[in-house]
């Protein structure tokens, strides 16, 4: 009896691993990491990664402009940005203003640099992020100043 009980117990143990458990959606990164990943993708000109970083559609309020884009690649044109002398961007400072389980707001001060590492422009943006099944995504960007994005 004892010998027969062990194989059955072993079989039940194996079958338990096959039972589906409910999927728990957890943000895979922080708002700060999301913004850092966005800047990395921007500097690498990775259009697919940039589209994945933004919730669609998304809004840009910059200076006097109020723009809505279906996807990030509808807004950015790296040829136009490079024509300004841009080579790369660098985050100077971030400040998480608000975060709950659904939304976050983060202020970012960053600079654009030329190829010789000389400063092109320093800009402040505040980003609204929303929680998605894959982590945080940028839903809106706000700035009192203007910066060249390409198709804006």
C-alpha atoms as a PDB file:
ATOM      1  CA  UNK A   1       0.000   0.000   0.000  1.00  0.00           C
ATOM      2  CA  UNK A   2       2.799   2.397   0.836  1.00  0.00           C
ATOM      3  CA  UNK A   3       4.568   1.724  -2.478  1.00  0.00           C
ATOM      4  CA  UNK A   4       1.420   2.443  -4.546  1.00  0.00           C
ATOM      5  CA  UNK A   5       0.690   5.640  -2.636  1.00  0.00           C
ATOM      6  CA  UNK A   6       4.059   7.274  -3.541  1.00  0.00           C
ATOM      7  CA  UNK A   7       3.648   7.048  -7.344  1.00  0.00           C
ATOM      8  CA  UNK A   8       0.135   8.509  -7.076  1.00  0.00           C
ATOM      9  CA  UNK A   9       1.403  11.312  -4.866  1.00  0.00           C
ATOM     10  CA  UNK A  10       4.212  11.983  -7.360  1.00  0.00           C
ATOM     11  CA  UNK A  11       1.733  12.058 -10.257  1.00  0.00           C
ATOM     12  CA  UNK A  12      -0.503  14.539  -8.400  1.00  0.00           C
ATOM     13  CA  UNK A  13       2.546  16.717  -7.725  1.00  0.00           C
ATOM     14  CA  UNK A  14       3.412  16.769 -11.440  1.00  0.00           C
ATOM     15  CA  UNK A  15      -0.167  17.523 -12.504  1.00  0.00           C
ATOM     16  CA  UNK A  16      -0.417  20.412 -10.046  1.00  0.00           C
ATOM     17  CA  UNK A  17       2.337  22.180 -11.993  1.00  0.00           C
ATOM     18  CA  UNK A  18       0.204  21.971 -15.142  1.00  0.00           C
ATOM     19  CA  UNK A  19      -2.742  23.851 -13.659  1.00  0.00           C
ATOM     20  CA  UNK A  20      -2.992  27.363 -15.037  1.00  0.00           C
ATOM     21  CA  UNK A  21      -2.669  30.121 -12.489  1.00  0.00           C
ATOM     22  CA  UNK A  22      -4.261  33.517 -13.059  1.00  0.00           C
ATOM     23  CA  UNK A  23      -1.893  35.993 -14.665  1.00  0.00           C
ATOM     24  CA  UNK A  24      -0.981  38.863 -12.378  1.00  0.00           C
ATOM     25  CA  UNK A  25      -0.004  41.977 -14.287  1.00  0.00           C
ATOM     26  CA  UNK A  26       2.868  43.798 -12.619  1.00  0.00           C
ATOM     27  CA  UNK A  27       4.728  46.795 -13.979  1.00  0.00           C
ATOM     28  CA  UNK A  28       8.099  45.553 -15.134  1.00  0.00           C
ATOM     29  CA  UNK A  29       9.859  48.843 -14.521  1.00  0.00           C
ATOM     30  CA  UNK A  30       9.641  52.122 -12.661  1.00  0.00           C
ATOM     31  CA  UNK A  31       8.615  55.408 -14.258  1.00  0.00           C
ATOM     32  CA  UNK A  32      12.258  56.534 -14.047  1.00  0.00           C
ATOM     33  CA  UNK A  33      13.425  53.375 -15.830  1.00  0.00           C
ATOM     34  CA  UNK A  34      10.761  53.890 -18.492  1.00  0.00           C
ATOM     35  CA  UNK A  35      12.051  57.392 -19.207  1.00  0.00           C
ATOM     36  CA  UNK A  36      15.689  56.187 -19.222  1.00  0.00           C
ATOM     37  CA  UNK A  37      14.726  53.424 -21.691  1.00  0.00           C
ATOM     38  CA  UNK A  38      12.940  55.996 -23.851  1.00  0.00           C
ATOM     39  CA  UNK A  39      16.066  58.182 -24.000  1.00  0.00           C
ATOM     40  CA  UNK A  40      18.211  55.125 -24.820  1.00  0.00           C
ATOM     41  CA  UNK A  41      15.863  54.222 -27.687  1.00  0.00           C
ATOM     42  CA  UNK A  42      15.838  57.845 -28.869  1.00  0.00           C
ATOM     43  CA  UNK A  43      19.637  58.020 -28.900  1.00  0.00           C
ATOM     44  CA  UNK A  44      19.778  54.708 -30.791  1.00  0.00           C
ATOM     45  CA  UNK A  45      17.042  55.893 -33.172  1.00  0.00           C
ATOM     46  CA  UNK A  46      15.142  52.635 -32.535  1.00  0.00           C
ATOM     47  CA  UNK A  47      11.764  53.507 -34.020  1.00  0.00           C
ATOM     48  CA  UNK A  48      10.020  50.268 -32.999  1.00  0.00           C
ATOM     49  CA  UNK A  49      11.211  50.660 -29.393  1.00  0.00           C
ATOM     50  CA  UNK A  50      10.056  54.281 -29.382  1.00  0.00           C
ATOM     51  CA  UNK A  51       6.596  53.239 -30.591  1.00  0.00           C
ATOM     52  CA  UNK A  52       6.450  50.615 -27.813  1.00  0.00           C
ATOM     53  CA  UNK A  53       7.425  53.197 -25.175  1.00  0.00           C
ATOM     54  CA  UNK A  54       4.392  55.388 -25.918  1.00  0.00           C
ATOM     55  CA  UNK A  55       0.720  54.662 -25.271  1.00  0.00           C
ATOM     56  CA  UNK A  56      -1.242  55.271 -28.448  1.00  0.00           C
ATOM     57  CA  UNK A  57      -2.467  57.826 -29.244  1.00  0.00           C
ATOM     58  CA  UNK A  58      -0.375  60.248 -27.227  1.00  0.00           C
ATOM     59  CA  UNK A  59      -0.376  64.000 -26.715  1.00  0.00           C
ATOM     60  CA  UNK A  60       2.393  66.595 -26.835  1.00  0.00           C
ATOM     61  CA  UNK A  61       1.786  70.056 -25.384  1.00  0.00           C
ATOM     62  CA  UNK A  62       4.877  72.074 -26.188  1.00  0.00           C
ATOM     63  CA  UNK A  63       4.990  75.860 -26.066  1.00  0.00           C
ATOM     64  CA  UNK A  64       1.859  76.979 -27.879  1.00  0.00           C
ATOM     65  CA  UNK A  65       1.483  73.695 -29.794  1.00  0.00           C
ATOM     66  CA  UNK A  66      -1.104  71.032 -28.935  1.00  0.00           C
ATOM     67  CA  UNK A  67      -0.409  67.872 -30.924  1.00  0.00           C
ATOM     68  CA  UNK A  68      -1.866  64.359 -30.975  1.00  0.00           C
ATOM     69  CA  UNK A  69      -0.044  61.470 -32.656  1.00  0.00           C
ATOM     70  CA  UNK A  70      -1.183  57.924 -33.308  1.00  0.00           C
ATOM     71  CA  UNK A  71       2.347  56.602 -32.800  1.00  0.00           C
ATOM     72  CA  UNK A  72       5.727  58.036 -31.939  1.00  0.00           C
ATOM     73  CA  UNK A  73       7.113  57.605 -35.445  1.00  0.00           C
ATOM     74  CA  UNK A  74       4.385  59.951 -36.718  1.00  0.00           C
ATOM     75  CA  UNK A  75       6.060  62.698 -34.686  1.00  0.00           C
ATOM     76  CA  UNK A  76       9.809  62.149 -34.857  1.00  0.00           C
ATOM     77  CA  UNK A  77      12.064  62.654 -37.867  1.00  0.00           C
ATOM     78  CA  UNK A  78      15.710  62.046 -37.027  1.00  0.00           C
ATOM     79  CA  UNK A  79      16.952  63.627 -40.257  1.00  0.00           C
ATOM     80  CA  UNK A  80      15.365  66.933 -39.231  1.00  0.00           C
ATOM     81  CA  UNK A  81      16.632  66.590 -35.652  1.00  0.00           C
ATOM     82  CA  UNK A  82      20.167  65.822 -36.878  1.00  0.00           C
ATOM     83  CA  UNK A  83      20.027  68.893 -39.123  1.00  0.00           C
ATOM     84  CA  UNK A  84      19.948  70.982 -35.919  1.00  0.00           C
ATOM     85  CA  UNK A  85      23.345  69.522 -34.982  1.00  0.00           C
ATOM     86  CA  UNK A  86      21.950  66.875 -32.601  1.00  0.00           C
ATOM     87  CA  UNK A  87      24.072  63.810 -31.906  1.00  0.00           C
ATOM     88  CA  UNK A  88      22.663  62.489 -28.626  1.00  0.00           C
ATOM     89  CA  UNK A  89      20.548  63.423 -25.614  1.00  0.00           C
ATOM     90  CA  UNK A  90      21.326  63.003 -21.930  1.00  0.00           C
ATOM     91  CA  UNK A  91      19.059  63.130 -18.889  1.00  0.00           C
ATOM     92  CA  UNK A  92      20.338  65.658 -16.357  1.00  0.00           C
ATOM     93  CA  UNK A  93      17.715  65.116 -13.668  1.00  0.00           C
ATOM     94  CA  UNK A  94      14.407  63.392 -13.036  1.00  0.00           C
ATOM     95  CA  UNK A  95      11.834  64.100 -10.360  1.00  0.00           C
ATOM     96  CA  UNK A  96       8.940  61.704  -9.823  1.00  0.00           C
ATOM     97  CA  UNK A  97       6.023  64.046  -9.100  1.00  0.00           C
ATOM     98  CA  UNK A  98       3.278  61.458  -8.643  1.00  0.00           C
ATOM     99  CA  UNK A  99       2.731  57.716  -8.876  1.00  0.00           C
ATOM    100  CA  UNK A 100      -0.160  55.386  -8.160  1.00  0.00           C
ATOM    101  CA  UNK A 101      -1.047  52.002  -9.637  1.00  0.00           C
ATOM    102  CA  UNK A 102      -2.487  53.516 -12.845  1.00  0.00           C
ATOM    103  CA  UNK A 103      -0.604  56.746 -13.550  1.00  0.00           C
ATOM    104  CA  UNK A 104       2.669  58.492 -12.890  1.00  0.00           C
ATOM    105  CA  UNK A 105       4.002  61.936 -13.628  1.00  0.00           C
ATOM    106  CA  UNK A 106       7.710  62.617 -13.917  1.00  0.00           C
ATOM    107  CA  UNK A 107       9.611  65.826 -14.584  1.00  0.00           C
ATOM    108  CA  UNK A 108      12.743  65.440 -16.730  1.00  0.00           C
ATOM    109  CA  UNK A 109      15.491  67.947 -17.400  1.00  0.00           C
ATOM    110  CA  UNK A 110      17.651  66.844 -20.315  1.00  0.00           C
ATOM    111  CA  UNK A 111      20.158  68.213 -22.783  1.00  0.00           C
ATOM    112  CA  UNK A 112      20.825  67.624 -26.443  1.00  0.00           C
ATOM    113  CA  UNK A 113      24.464  67.560 -27.511  1.00  0.00           C
ATOM    114  CA  UNK A 114      26.391  67.915 -30.730  1.00  0.00           C
ATOM    115  CA  UNK A 115      28.848  65.301 -31.976  1.00  0.00           C
ATOM    116  CA  UNK A 116      31.762  67.228 -30.379  1.00  0.00           C
ATOM    117  CA  UNK A 117      29.919  66.976 -26.991  1.00  0.00           C
ATOM    118  CA  UNK A 118      29.101  70.686 -26.978  1.00  0.00           C
ATOM    119  CA  UNK A 119      25.696  71.648 -25.603  1.00  0.00           C
ATOM    120  CA  UNK A 120      22.942  72.225 -28.145  1.00  0.00           C
ATOM    121  CA  UNK A 121      19.934  72.847 -25.864  1.00  0.00           C
ATOM    122  CA  UNK A 122      18.663  72.048 -22.370  1.00  0.00           C
ATOM    123  CA  UNK A 123      14.948  71.399 -21.992  1.00  0.00           C
ATOM    124  CA  UNK A 124      12.376  70.508 -19.324  1.00  0.00           C
ATOM    125  CA  UNK A 125       9.499  68.124 -20.009  1.00  0.00           C
ATOM    126  CA  UNK A 126       6.911  66.599 -17.724  1.00  0.00           C
ATOM    127  CA  UNK A 127       5.695  63.184 -18.825  1.00  0.00           C
ATOM    128  CA  UNK A 128       2.401  61.518 -17.947  1.00  0.00           C
ATOM    129  CA  UNK A 129       2.772  57.734 -17.857  1.00  0.00           C
ATOM    130  CA  UNK A 130       0.024  55.120 -17.744  1.00  0.00           C
ATOM    131  CA  UNK A 131       0.278  51.558 -16.504  1.00  0.00           C
ATOM    132  CA  UNK A 132      -0.044  48.924 -19.221  1.00  0.00           C
ATOM    133  CA  UNK A 133       0.236  45.142 -19.115  1.00  0.00           C
ATOM    134  CA  UNK A 134       3.883  45.386 -20.201  1.00  0.00           C
ATOM    135  CA  UNK A 135       4.835  48.199 -17.824  1.00  0.00           C
ATOM    136  CA  UNK A 136       4.669  51.976 -17.895  1.00  0.00           C
ATOM    137  CA  UNK A 137       4.033  53.826 -21.169  1.00  0.00           C
ATOM    138  CA  UNK A 138       4.248  57.527 -21.943  1.00  0.00           C
ATOM    139  CA  UNK A 139       0.792  58.984 -22.640  1.00  0.00           C
ATOM    140  CA  UNK A 140       1.565  62.712 -22.768  1.00  0.00           C
ATOM    141  CA  UNK A 141       4.489  65.128 -22.736  1.00  0.00           C
ATOM    142  CA  UNK A 142       4.286  68.730 -21.539  1.00  0.00           C
ATOM    143  CA  UNK A 143       6.810  71.545 -21.912  1.00  0.00           C
ATOM    144  CA  UNK A 144       6.571  75.325 -21.754  1.00  0.00           C
ATOM    145  CA  UNK A 145       9.399  75.581 -24.288  1.00  0.00           C
ATOM    146  CA  UNK A 146       9.751  74.153 -27.762  1.00  0.00           C
ATOM    147  CA  UNK A 147      12.228  71.663 -29.180  1.00  0.00           C
ATOM    148  CA  UNK A 148      12.629  70.200 -32.664  1.00  0.00           C
ATOM    149  CA  UNK A 149      10.995  66.781 -32.955  1.00  0.00           C
ATOM    150  CA  UNK A 150      10.816  66.489 -36.696  1.00  0.00           C
ATOM    151  CA  UNK A 151       7.199  66.191 -37.754  1.00  0.00           C
ATOM    152  CA  UNK A 152       5.727  68.636 -35.253  1.00  0.00           C
END
